[in-house]
Amino acid sequence: MSIKRIGRQRGLVYLVLAAFVALVLPVGQFARAAEPGSGSLAGFIYAKDMKTPVTGAVVKLRNLGDMKELASPATDENGMFTITNIPAGRYILGVTSGKDNFNFDYSMHIKAGELGKISMALAPVKAGQEEPAPAPTKKPFFQTWAGRAVLIAAAGLAVYFIFFNEKEASEVDK
C-alpha cells in the first residue's frame, strides 16, 4: 500500500485525528481551565503496593508564602485527582485518606500555565517509628571475589584459545 493511497482513506485519517484529539484534549482541558498566573496539578494516589488505587482521598496543597490551603475533590475509583487554578508558587503536599493523613517533607513549585503530574503511594509510618531505612544495596557481581574469579577465568580461556590452541594440519591443508 503506497503512502498516497493511505492518505486517501478517510477512515484512517479520521482515526488518526480522533487519536490525536483524545491524547491532547485532557491536557488542553486543564490549560483552558487555568487562570493567567495559575497552574494545575493532576495525578494518582495508590496504596502501599503501588497497584491498588485509593478511592476518596483528598490531596491538599499549602502555599509556603501565604499559608493558604487548596484541596482537590475526592479521588475517583482509579485514584485520580485534579486541582486547577493553583496560583504560581511553592507548595507543600499532603493527602488525607479515609484511614490516615500523610504529609510530605518536600516542597514543589507550581508554574503558571503548566500542568504538573504526580503519582504517590501511601505507606503509613507508626507513631514513634522512624521512616524505614533503605534496603541495603548489593555489590555488582563483578565487584565481588566470585565475579573477579569469573573474569580472570574467562580472560585465561580467551588467551589460551587465541594463542595456544593450534589445530593439527589436516591432510587437505598439507
Protein backbone atom coordinates (compact mmCIF):
# COMPACT_ATOMS: atom_id res chain seq x y z
CA MET A 1 0.00 0.00 0.00
CA SER A 2 1.55 3.31 -1.02
CA ILE A 3 1.69 6.48 1.05
CA LYS A 4 -0.66 8.30 -1.32
CA ARG A 5 -3.21 5.54 -1.02
CA ILE A 6 -3.05 5.56 2.80
CA GLY A 7 -3.63 9.33 2.87
CA ARG A 8 -6.72 8.98 0.70
CA GLN A 9 -8.50 6.61 3.05
CA ARG A 10 -10.87 8.82 5.03
CA GLY A 11 -11.44 6.31 7.78
CA LEU A 12 -7.74 6.14 8.58
CA VAL A 13 -7.41 9.92 8.53
CA TYR A 14 -10.38 10.29 10.91
CA LEU A 15 -8.96 7.60 13.17
CA VAL A 16 -5.59 9.39 13.39
CA LEU A 17 -7.32 12.72 14.09
CA ALA A 18 -9.53 11.15 16.76
CA ALA A 19 -6.50 9.57 18.47
CA PHE A 20 -4.66 12.91 18.41
CA VAL A 21 -7.66 14.75 19.91
CA ALA A 22 -8.11 12.05 22.57
CA LEU A 23 -4.48 12.37 23.63
CA VAL A 24 -4.31 16.17 23.58
CA LEU A 25 -7.79 17.06 24.90
CA PRO A 26 -7.29 16.18 28.60
CA VAL A 27 -4.16 18.35 28.84
CA GLY A 28 -5.88 21.13 26.91
CA GLN A 29 -8.81 20.95 29.32
CA PHE A 30 -6.56 21.83 32.27
CA ALA A 31 -4.78 24.56 30.32
CA ARG A 32 -8.09 26.25 29.43
CA ALA A 33 -9.40 25.96 33.00
CA ALA A 34 -6.35 27.67 34.46
CA GLU A 35 -6.43 31.38 35.08
CA PRO A 36 -3.50 33.54 33.98
CA GLY A 37 -0.76 33.19 36.57
CA SER A 38 -2.02 29.83 37.79
CA GLY A 39 -1.22 26.19 37.12
CA SER A 40 -2.77 22.79 37.65
CA LEU A 41 -1.82 19.53 39.35
CA ALA A 42 -3.13 16.07 38.49
CA GLY A 43 -2.12 12.57 39.43
CA PHE A 44 -2.93 9.27 41.05
CA ILE A 45 -2.95 8.04 44.64
CA TYR A 46 -2.08 4.37 45.23
CA ALA A 47 -1.88 2.14 48.28
CA LYS A 48 1.47 0.90 49.58
CA ASP A 49 1.66 -1.81 46.87
CA MET A 50 1.70 0.88 44.09
CA LYS A 51 -1.09 -1.01 42.28
CA THR A 52 -4.29 -0.52 44.26
CA PRO A 53 -5.89 2.91 43.67
CA VAL A 54 -7.05 4.79 46.77
CA THR A 55 -10.64 5.99 46.40
CA GLY A 56 -11.91 9.00 48.35
CA ALA A 57 -8.54 10.53 49.23
CA VAL A 58 -8.18 14.33 49.23
CA VAL A 59 -4.93 15.96 48.12
CA LYS A 60 -4.10 19.22 49.88
CA LEU A 61 -1.60 21.90 48.90
CA ARG A 62 -0.39 24.60 51.32
CA ASN A 63 1.29 27.69 49.88
CA LEU A 64 4.56 28.28 51.69
CA GLY A 65 4.32 32.05 51.10
CA ASP A 66 0.90 32.92 52.50
CA MET A 67 -0.03 29.52 54.09
CA LYS A 68 -3.34 29.32 52.17
CA GLU A 69 -4.55 25.79 51.59
CA LEU A 70 -6.11 24.30 48.46
CA ALA A 71 -7.77 20.89 48.28
CA SER A 72 -8.79 18.57 45.48
CA PRO A 73 -12.12 16.81 45.19
CA ALA A 74 -12.02 13.21 46.46
CA THR A 75 -10.14 10.79 44.22
CA ASP A 76 -12.19 8.66 41.85
CA GLU A 77 -12.25 4.84 41.59
CA ASN A 78 -8.93 5.00 39.68
CA GLY A 79 -7.29 7.09 42.41
CA MET A 80 -7.10 10.16 40.13
CA PHE A 81 -7.23 13.72 41.45
CA THR A 82 -7.03 17.16 39.86
CA ILE A 83 -6.54 20.64 41.29
CA THR A 84 -6.88 23.58 38.91
CA ASN A 85 -6.33 27.34 39.28
CA ILE A 86 -3.38 27.00 41.64
CA PRO A 87 -1.55 30.34 41.97
CA ALA A 88 2.10 30.02 40.96
CA GLY A 89 4.42 29.43 43.88
CA ARG A 90 5.95 26.88 46.26
CA TYR A 91 3.67 24.38 47.98
CA ILE A 92 3.90 21.53 50.42
CA LEU A 93 1.78 18.48 49.71
CA GLY A 94 -0.43 16.35 51.94
CA VAL A 95 -3.00 13.60 51.43
CA THR A 96 -5.97 12.76 53.62
CA SER A 97 -7.43 9.32 53.07
CA GLY A 98 -10.19 7.53 54.94
CA LYS A 99 -7.61 5.75 57.11
CA ASP A 100 -4.83 8.25 57.74
CA ASN A 101 -3.20 11.59 56.98
CA PHE A 102 0.05 11.80 55.03
CA ASN A 103 2.33 14.84 54.90
CA PHE A 104 5.34 15.06 52.64
CA ASP A 105 8.58 16.71 53.75
CA TYR A 106 9.47 18.31 50.44
CA SER A 107 8.07 21.30 48.61
CA MET A 108 7.02 21.54 44.99
CA HIS A 109 6.92 24.51 42.66
CA ILE A 110 3.74 25.13 40.65
CA LYS A 111 4.34 27.15 37.48
CA ALA A 112 1.78 29.38 35.80
CA GLY A 113 0.13 27.91 32.72
CA GLU A 114 1.54 24.40 33.31
CA LEU A 115 0.11 21.07 34.40
CA GLY A 116 2.11 19.14 36.98
CA LYS A 117 1.67 15.38 37.16
CA ILE A 118 2.45 13.22 40.18
CA SER A 119 1.68 9.71 41.40
CA MET A 120 2.02 8.75 45.06
CA ALA A 121 1.94 5.58 47.13
CA LEU A 122 0.68 5.95 50.69
CA ALA A 123 2.65 3.95 53.27
CA PRO A 124 1.80 4.78 56.88
CA VAL A 125 4.56 5.23 59.47
CA LYS A 126 3.64 4.19 63.04
CA ALA A 127 3.95 6.74 65.83
CA GLY A 128 7.42 6.83 67.32
CA GLN A 129 8.81 4.85 64.41
CA GLU A 130 11.31 6.36 62.05
CA GLU A 131 10.86 6.02 58.35
CA PRO A 132 12.07 2.66 57.10
CA ALA A 133 15.74 2.54 56.24
CA PRO A 134 16.51 1.93 52.60
CA ALA A 135 17.24 -1.67 51.72
CA PRO A 136 20.95 -2.49 51.71
CA THR A 137 22.37 -2.40 48.24
CA LYS A 138 24.15 -5.41 46.85
CA LYS A 139 27.53 -5.08 45.22
CA PRO A 140 27.52 -5.64 41.48
CA PHE A 141 28.60 -9.22 40.69
CA PHE A 142 31.87 -8.30 39.03
CA GLN A 143 32.96 -6.31 42.10
CA THR A 144 32.81 -9.42 44.30
CA TRP A 145 35.56 -12.07 44.60
CA ALA A 146 33.47 -14.58 42.67
CA GLY A 147 32.88 -12.10 39.86
CA ARG A 148 36.57 -11.29 39.64
CA ALA A 149 37.40 -15.01 39.51
CA VAL A 150 34.95 -15.44 36.61
CA LEU A 151 36.60 -12.55 34.76
CA ILE A 152 40.10 -13.97 35.27
CA ALA A 153 39.00 -17.45 34.15
CA ALA A 154 37.28 -16.04 31.04
CA ALA A 155 40.36 -13.98 30.17
CA GLY A 156 42.59 -17.04 30.63
CA LEU A 157 40.38 -19.14 28.34
CA ALA A 158 40.35 -16.40 25.73
CA VAL A 159 44.17 -16.14 25.76
CA TYR A 160 44.50 -19.93 25.53
CA PHE A 161 42.18 -20.21 22.52
CA ILE A 162 43.76 -17.24 20.76
CA PHE A 163 47.45 -18.08 21.20
CA PHE A 164 47.94 -21.69 22.27
CA ASN A 165 45.20 -23.67 20.60
CA GLU A 166 46.99 -24.88 17.49
CA LYS A 167 44.98 -27.06 15.20
CA GLU A 168 46.66 -30.04 13.66
CA ALA A 169 47.08 -29.71 9.96
CA SER A 170 44.63 -31.88 8.09
CA GLU A 171 45.55 -33.84 5.06
CA VAL A 172 43.80 -31.29 2.87
CA ASP A 173 46.00 -28.45 4.21
CA LYS A 174 49.25 -30.35 3.55
